[in-house]
Protein backbone atom coordinates (compact mmCIF):
# COMPACT_ATOMS: atom_id res chain seq x y z
CA ASN A 1 105.86 101.33 113.46
CA LYS A 2 102.31 100.39 112.48
CA SER A 3 101.26 97.21 110.69
CA ALA A 4 100.73 97.21 106.93
CA GLU A 5 96.98 96.88 107.49
CA GLU A 6 96.89 99.94 109.76
CA ILE A 7 98.96 101.92 107.28
CA VAL A 8 96.64 101.10 104.38
CA PHE A 9 93.48 101.80 106.42
CA LEU A 10 94.68 105.21 107.64
CA THR A 11 96.19 106.24 104.33
CA LYS A 12 93.04 105.43 102.32
CA LYS A 13 91.21 108.09 104.32
CA ILE A 14 93.91 110.65 103.59
CA LEU A 15 93.98 109.82 99.88
CA ARG A 16 90.23 110.13 99.53
CA HIS A 17 90.34 113.50 101.29
CA LEU A 18 93.09 114.73 98.97
CA GLU A 19 91.17 113.53 95.92
CA LYS A 20 88.13 115.52 97.09
CA CYS A 21 90.39 118.58 97.28
CA SER A 22 91.03 118.18 93.52
CA VAL A 23 94.80 117.81 93.80
CA LYS A 24 96.73 117.13 90.58
CA ALA A 25 98.95 114.45 92.09
CA ILE A 26 99.75 112.89 95.44
CA ALA A 27 103.32 112.43 96.65
CA ILE A 28 103.64 109.79 99.33
CA ALA A 29 106.73 111.02 101.17
CA CYS A 30 106.57 108.39 103.91
CA ASN A 31 108.66 105.34 103.07
CA GLY A 32 106.50 103.07 105.24
CA ILE A 33 103.32 104.16 103.46
CA SER A 34 105.09 103.92 100.10
CA THR A 35 105.64 100.20 100.73
CA GLN A 36 101.88 99.90 100.20
CA ALA A 37 101.71 102.16 97.12
CA GLU A 38 100.39 99.51 94.73
CA LYS A 39 97.36 98.84 96.94
CA LEU A 40 96.82 102.55 97.47
CA ARG A 41 96.92 103.49 93.77
CA ARG A 42 93.71 101.49 93.29
CA GLU A 43 91.92 103.75 95.78
CA VAL A 44 92.06 107.06 93.88
CA SER A 45 92.10 108.33 90.31
CA VAL A 46 94.83 110.89 91.06
CA PRO A 47 98.42 109.94 90.10
CA ILE A 48 100.48 108.81 93.10
CA ILE A 49 104.24 109.26 93.19
CA ASP A 50 105.69 107.13 95.95
CA ILE A 51 109.11 107.88 97.36
CA ILE A 52 110.44 104.32 97.00
CA SER A 53 109.98 104.20 93.22
CA ALA A 54 111.45 107.67 92.67
CA ALA A 55 114.44 107.04 94.94
CA SER A 56 115.12 103.56 93.54
CA GLU A 57 115.17 104.85 89.97
CA ARG A 58 117.58 107.63 90.96
CA VAL A 59 119.89 105.29 92.90
CA VAL A 60 120.13 102.90 89.96
CA GLY A 61 121.26 105.81 87.81
CA LEU A 62 124.23 106.52 90.11
CA GLY A 63 126.24 103.58 88.77
CA LEU A 64 127.02 102.10 92.19
CA HIS A 65 127.75 98.45 92.99
CA GLN A 66 126.38 98.72 96.55
CA ILE A 67 124.05 101.08 98.39
CA GLY A 68 123.40 101.16 102.11
CA LEU A 69 119.88 101.84 103.25
CA ILE A 70 118.75 102.93 106.72
CA ALA A 71 115.01 103.15 107.35
CA ALA A 72 112.27 102.44 109.84
CA GLU A 73 111.99 98.74 110.53
CA ILE A 74 108.73 98.25 108.60
CA THR A 75 110.27 99.71 105.45
CA VAL A 76 113.21 97.33 105.62
CA LYS A 77 111.05 94.32 106.54
CA THR A 78 108.87 94.72 103.44
CA GLY A 79 111.91 94.49 101.17
CA LYS A 80 110.34 96.95 98.71
CA TYR A 81 113.51 98.96 98.14
CA ASP A 82 115.60 95.81 97.68
CA ALA A 83 113.12 94.27 95.25
CA LEU A 84 112.65 97.38 93.12
CA ILE A 85 116.34 98.25 92.97
CA ARG A 86 117.26 94.67 92.06
CA ARG A 87 114.55 94.58 89.40
CA LEU A 88 115.96 97.78 87.88
CA ASP A 89 119.61 96.70 88.28
CA PRO A 90 120.25 93.11 89.43
CA SER A 91 123.94 93.88 89.98
CA LEU A 92 123.28 96.59 92.60
CA GLU A 93 123.51 95.18 96.13
CA VAL A 94 121.29 96.81 98.77
CA VAL A 95 122.53 96.54 102.35
CA SER A 96 119.57 97.50 104.56
CA LYS A 97 119.13 98.12 108.27
CA GLY A 98 116.01 99.15 110.13
CA SER A 99 116.21 101.47 113.10
CA PRO A 100 113.62 101.00 115.83
CA LEU A 101 114.51 104.29 117.56
CA LEU A 102 115.77 107.01 115.24
CA ALA A 103 112.44 108.30 113.88
CA GLY A 104 111.12 108.55 117.44
CA LEU A 105 114.19 110.46 118.58
CA VAL A 106 113.67 112.97 115.77
CA ASP A 107 109.90 113.09 116.42
CA ARG A 108 110.50 114.25 119.99
CA GLY A 109 112.10 117.37 118.60
CA ASP A 110 114.66 117.77 121.36
CA PHE A 111 117.40 116.48 119.03
CA ASP A 112 119.44 114.88 121.79
CA GLN A 113 122.69 114.75 119.84
CA ALA A 114 124.26 111.99 121.95
CA ALA A 115 121.22 109.69 121.62
CA ILE A 116 120.83 110.38 117.91
CA ASP A 117 124.54 109.84 117.25
CA ALA A 118 124.51 106.58 119.23
CA GLU A 119 121.58 105.22 117.21
CA ILE A 120 123.15 106.33 113.92
CA ARG A 121 126.45 104.66 114.81
CA LEU A 122 124.75 101.43 115.90
CA GLN A 123 122.78 101.09 112.66
CA ILE A 124 125.41 102.34 110.20
CA ASP A 125 128.11 100.20 111.83
CA ASN A 126 125.81 97.23 111.19
CA ILE A 127 125.59 98.14 107.50
CA LEU A 128 129.36 98.72 107.21
CA ALA A 129 130.11 95.39 108.91
CA ARG A 130 128.26 93.67 106.06
CA ALA A 131 129.59 95.76 103.15
CA PRO A 132 131.99 98.68 102.62
CA VAL A 133 129.32 101.00 101.18
CA SER A 134 130.24 104.53 100.13
CA HIS A 135 126.63 105.76 99.73
CA VAL A 136 123.73 105.34 102.16
CA MET A 137 120.10 106.19 101.51
CA LEU A 138 118.24 107.95 104.34
CA ALA A 139 114.99 106.06 103.67
CA CYS A 140 112.80 107.69 106.31
CA THR A 141 111.45 111.24 106.03
CA HIS A 142 112.77 111.94 109.53
CA TYR A 143 116.39 111.13 108.74
CA PRO A 144 117.27 114.04 106.42
CA ILE A 145 116.29 116.34 109.30
CA VAL A 146 119.38 115.05 111.11
CA GLU A 147 121.51 114.47 108.03
CA ASP A 148 124.15 116.70 109.59
CA ARG A 149 124.50 114.14 112.40
CA PHE A 150 124.93 111.31 109.89
CA ALA A 151 127.62 113.35 108.12
CA ALA A 152 129.35 114.21 111.41
CA CYS A 153 129.46 110.53 112.44
CA TYR A 154 130.54 109.29 109.00
CA PRO A 155 132.08 112.12 106.94
CA ASN A 156 133.37 109.74 104.24
CA ILE A 157 129.91 108.43 103.32
CA THR A 158 127.71 110.14 100.73
CA TRP A 159 124.19 110.51 102.13
CA PHE A 160 121.30 110.16 99.69
CA ASN A 161 118.02 111.97 100.45
CA PRO A 162 115.15 110.20 98.60
CA GLY A 163 112.95 113.29 98.95
CA ILE A 164 114.97 115.11 96.31
CA ALA A 165 114.40 112.30 93.81
CA GLN A 166 110.70 112.31 94.64
CA ALA A 167 110.39 116.09 94.21
CA ASP A 168 112.02 115.74 90.80
CA ALA A 169 109.59 112.92 89.90
CA VAL A 170 106.60 115.07 90.90
CA LYS A 171 107.87 117.95 88.78
CA ALA A 172 108.49 115.60 85.84
CA LEU A 173 104.92 114.25 86.09
CA LEU A 174 103.48 117.76 86.16
CA VAL A 175 105.60 118.94 83.24
CA GLU A 176 104.90 115.78 81.22
CA ASN A 177 101.15 116.24 81.65
CA ASN A 178 101.18 120.02 81.22
CA MET A 179 99.90 120.49 84.78
CA LEU A 180 102.36 123.07 86.10
CA ASN A 181 100.76 126.11 87.65
CA PRO A 182 101.25 128.91 85.10
CA LYS A 183 100.97 131.55 87.84
CA LYS A 184 104.02 130.07 89.62
CA GLN A 185 102.27 130.55 92.93
CA GLY A 186 100.02 128.28 94.89
CA THR A 187 98.37 127.76 98.19
CA PHE A 188 99.30 125.72 101.23
CA THR A 189 96.53 124.17 103.27
CA LEU A 190 96.85 122.15 106.47
CA THR A 191 93.91 120.05 107.62
CA THR A 192 93.46 117.88 110.65
């Protein structure tokens, strides 16, 4: 729950570090950071695949009339998902709700089922009160971690994980530009 300015400032440092590591592409998995993708693309020469663009393109291809969207508050407040989805398909209604607590509950790692379920019900009930959606996008990287709780609370809703669409978009970019690793093995590096 940082401001847009804080997000851009902190992310620029990360992007420059990744560019120095000679990465082929950068996938911005965080929905909040992805709201600032256009500003961030100007900072590096490496292709950036943001999760909002990838997920929006996939959702439009589902042929729905409405999609629910639950995310961190900053993601919803920017309206980036709504704007991009409506630009791609003006007939697709996006019913969004920001959660001030769910990412923090998941971050703690204790996975207090009662607290998580209560927050899920509060936010999804809000979406359902505004539209009878059958599909809801989990538009925060934390939410797919507890997707089983969403499904337990609302078994008749189809839950959409944007990360899958983004992974497919990264692969497509690498294939399109002949950048796949021919050895089919790589390295994993964590830096602090």
